[in-house]
Each structure stands twice: as structure tokens, then as C-alpha cells.
């Protein structure tokens, strides 16, 4: 059921929140670099910058990998609701 709600999320908002995840994890010292973050979610590090500046959108596989790798709340990532980090990230989607 939640998948239907998430499909209505704006891709620009998703991409912006995904970038925010990196900066929050970096501030919390859970990642030490963009390279480390990108490798953990299966992305080439050179693809981070285009997503950050809005010229490219984040993909669904990268969103799911981020949820699973860093315990990110799907509600927050897709809808901007609740806390960024939650128990949902412990379970693969």
C-alpha cells in the first residue's frame, strides 16, 4: 500500500532529500566522504554532483539502497514526513 503513496512523490524533492541524507550522515560522521556514501549505495561517485545540482535525478534503486544502507525512513525520503532515520532501514525492501 505504501508504494502507491510513494509513487506520487516529486522526483526533484526525492533527489534533494537524498542529497540531504548524505550531508546529515556526513555531519553525524557516519560517512567520511561522498565517495564512501556513493559506494555504499552502489553509485559511481562522479554521479553525485549532477544529482546535487539538480541536473540529474536519483534513481529508485539508489533510493532503496540508501534506505537499506543507512537506516533512512522511507516516509521521510519519499514524503518528507517524520524523522530522517528510522527502523525501516533495517529491513530490505
C-alpha atoms as a PDB file:
ATOM      1  CA  UNK A   1       0.000   0.000   0.000  1.00  0.00           C
ATOM      2  CA  UNK A   2       2.754   2.464   0.887  1.00  0.00           C
ATOM      3  CA  UNK A   3       4.226   2.049  -2.608  1.00  0.00           C
ATOM      4  CA  UNK A   4       1.173   3.768  -4.131  1.00  0.00           C
ATOM      5  CA  UNK A   5       1.618   6.787  -1.866  1.00  0.00           C
ATOM      6  CA  UNK A   6       5.348   6.969  -2.571  1.00  0.00           C
ATOM      7  CA  UNK A   7       4.838   6.895  -6.326  1.00  0.00           C
ATOM      8  CA  UNK A   8       3.271  10.351  -6.083  1.00  0.00           C
ATOM      9  CA  UNK A   9       6.491  11.833  -4.692  1.00  0.00           C
ATOM     10  CA  UNK A  10       8.114  14.570  -6.770  1.00  0.00           C
ATOM     11  CA  UNK A  11      11.454  13.339  -8.180  1.00  0.00           C
ATOM     12  CA  UNK A  12      13.155  16.700  -7.590  1.00  0.00           C
ATOM     13  CA  UNK A  13      12.108  16.581  -3.934  1.00  0.00           C
ATOM     14  CA  UNK A  14      13.328  12.984  -3.677  1.00  0.00           C
ATOM     15  CA  UNK A  15      16.677  13.923  -5.156  1.00  0.00           C
ATOM     16  CA  UNK A  16      17.024  16.908  -2.805  1.00  0.00           C
ATOM     17  CA  UNK A  17      16.177  14.790   0.244  1.00  0.00           C
ATOM     18  CA  UNK A  18      18.636  12.114  -0.911  1.00  0.00           C
ATOM     19  CA  UNK A  19      21.406  14.731  -1.038  1.00  0.00           C
ATOM     20  CA  UNK A  20      20.300  15.922   2.395  1.00  0.00           C
ATOM     21  CA  UNK A  21      20.764  12.369   3.684  1.00  0.00           C
ATOM     22  CA  UNK A  22      24.419  12.498   2.644  1.00  0.00           C
ATOM     23  CA  UNK A  23      25.055  15.861   4.319  1.00  0.00           C
ATOM     24  CA  UNK A  24      23.299  14.749   7.512  1.00  0.00           C
ATOM     25  CA  UNK A  25      25.250  11.487   7.662  1.00  0.00           C
ATOM     26  CA  UNK A  26      28.450  13.421   6.995  1.00  0.00           C
ATOM     27  CA  UNK A  27      27.646  15.866   9.823  1.00  0.00           C
ATOM     28  CA  UNK A  28      26.973  12.903  12.133  1.00  0.00           C
ATOM     29  CA  UNK A  29      30.281  11.359  11.000  1.00  0.00           C
ATOM     30  CA  UNK A  30      28.549   8.210   9.790  1.00  0.00           C
ATOM     31  CA  UNK A  31      30.216   8.719   6.396  1.00  0.00           C
ATOM     32  CA  UNK A  32      33.567  10.355   5.774  1.00  0.00           C
ATOM     33  CA  UNK A  33      33.143  11.302   2.112  1.00  0.00           C
ATOM     34  CA  UNK A  34      30.819  11.405  -0.872  1.00  0.00           C
ATOM     35  CA  UNK A  35      32.839   8.532  -2.310  1.00  0.00           C
ATOM     36  CA  UNK A  36      32.102   6.347   0.730  1.00  0.00           C
ATOM     37  CA  UNK A  37      28.407   7.254   0.624  1.00  0.00           C
ATOM     38  CA  UNK A  38      28.112   6.559  -3.099  1.00  0.00           C
ATOM     39  CA  UNK A  39      29.923   3.246  -2.853  1.00  0.00           C
ATOM     40  CA  UNK A  40      27.603   2.131  -0.041  1.00  0.00           C
ATOM     41  CA  UNK A  41      24.550   2.709  -2.249  1.00  0.00           C
ATOM     42  CA  UNK A  42      26.108   1.296  -5.422  1.00  0.00           C
ATOM     43  CA  UNK A  43      26.610   4.575  -7.258  1.00  0.00           C
ATOM     44  CA  UNK A  44      29.645   5.924  -9.074  1.00  0.00           C
ATOM     45  CA  UNK A  45      30.921   8.919  -7.058  1.00  0.00           C
ATOM     46  CA  UNK A  46      31.034  11.150 -10.150  1.00  0.00           C
ATOM     47  CA  UNK A  47      27.235  10.822 -10.400  1.00  0.00           C
ATOM     48  CA  UNK A  48      26.676  12.584  -7.053  1.00  0.00           C
ATOM     49  CA  UNK A  49      27.334  16.132  -8.282  1.00  0.00           C
ATOM     50  CA  UNK A  50      24.715  16.132 -11.102  1.00  0.00           C
ATOM     51  CA  UNK A  51      22.080  14.954  -8.609  1.00  0.00           C
ATOM     52  CA  UNK A  52      23.217  17.560  -6.092  1.00  0.00           C
ATOM     53  CA  UNK A  53      22.942  20.421  -8.592  1.00  0.00           C
ATOM     54  CA  UNK A  54      19.595  19.234  -9.981  1.00  0.00           C
ATOM     55  CA  UNK A  55      20.703  18.335 -13.489  1.00  0.00           C
ATOM     56  CA  UNK A  56      20.052  14.638 -12.871  1.00  0.00           C
ATOM     57  CA  UNK A  57      17.523  12.755 -10.753  1.00  0.00           C
ATOM     58  CA  UNK A  58      18.158   9.992  -8.273  1.00  0.00           C
ATOM     59  CA  UNK A  59      17.040   6.514  -9.338  1.00  0.00           C
ATOM     60  CA  UNK A  60      14.689   4.230  -7.448  1.00  0.00           C
ATOM     61  CA  UNK A  61      17.402   1.572  -6.907  1.00  0.00           C
ATOM     62  CA  UNK A  62      19.649   4.230  -5.326  1.00  0.00           C
ATOM     63  CA  UNK A  63      16.814   5.388  -3.064  1.00  0.00           C
ATOM     64  CA  UNK A  64      16.156   1.837  -1.907  1.00  0.00           C
ATOM     65  CA  UNK A  65      19.864   1.169  -1.413  1.00  0.00           C
ATOM     66  CA  UNK A  66      20.115   4.335   0.702  1.00  0.00           C
ATOM     67  CA  UNK A  67      17.151   3.274   2.841  1.00  0.00           C
ATOM     68  CA  UNK A  68      18.757  -0.103   3.472  1.00  0.00           C
ATOM     69  CA  UNK A  69      22.364   1.034   3.885  1.00  0.00           C
ATOM     70  CA  UNK A  70      21.759   3.953   6.237  1.00  0.00           C
ATOM     71  CA  UNK A  71      18.518   3.204   8.057  1.00  0.00           C
ATOM     72  CA  UNK A  72      16.700   6.064   6.298  1.00  0.00           C
ATOM     73  CA  UNK A  73      12.951   6.291   6.803  1.00  0.00           C
ATOM     74  CA  UNK A  74      11.033   5.723   3.546  1.00  0.00           C
ATOM     75  CA  UNK A  75       8.348   8.073   4.887  1.00  0.00           C
ATOM     76  CA  UNK A  76      10.886  10.846   5.246  1.00  0.00           C
ATOM     77  CA  UNK A  77      12.703  10.150   1.981  1.00  0.00           C
ATOM     78  CA  UNK A  78       9.594   9.840  -0.190  1.00  0.00           C
ATOM     79  CA  UNK A  79       7.190  12.167   1.610  1.00  0.00           C
ATOM     80  CA  UNK A  80       9.272  14.411   3.841  1.00  0.00           C
ATOM     81  CA  UNK A  81       7.302  13.145   6.853  1.00  0.00           C
ATOM     82  CA  UNK A  82       8.722  12.117  10.215  1.00  0.00           C
ATOM     83  CA  UNK A  83      12.360  11.608  11.107  1.00  0.00           C
ATOM     84  CA  UNK A  84      15.089  11.005   8.553  1.00  0.00           C
ATOM     85  CA  UNK A  85      16.388   7.895  10.289  1.00  0.00           C
ATOM     86  CA  UNK A  86      14.141   5.076  11.450  1.00  0.00           C
ATOM     87  CA  UNK A  87      13.718   1.375  11.991  1.00  0.00           C
ATOM     88  CA  UNK A  88      12.505   0.809   8.410  1.00  0.00           C
ATOM     89  CA  UNK A  89      16.038   0.797   7.059  1.00  0.00           C
ATOM     90  CA  UNK A  90      16.808  -2.460   8.861  1.00  0.00           C
ATOM     91  CA  UNK A  91      14.517  -4.414   6.536  1.00  0.00           C
ATOM     92  CA  UNK A  92      15.249  -4.835   2.854  1.00  0.00           C
ATOM     93  CA  UNK A  93      12.518  -3.578   0.530  1.00  0.00           C
END
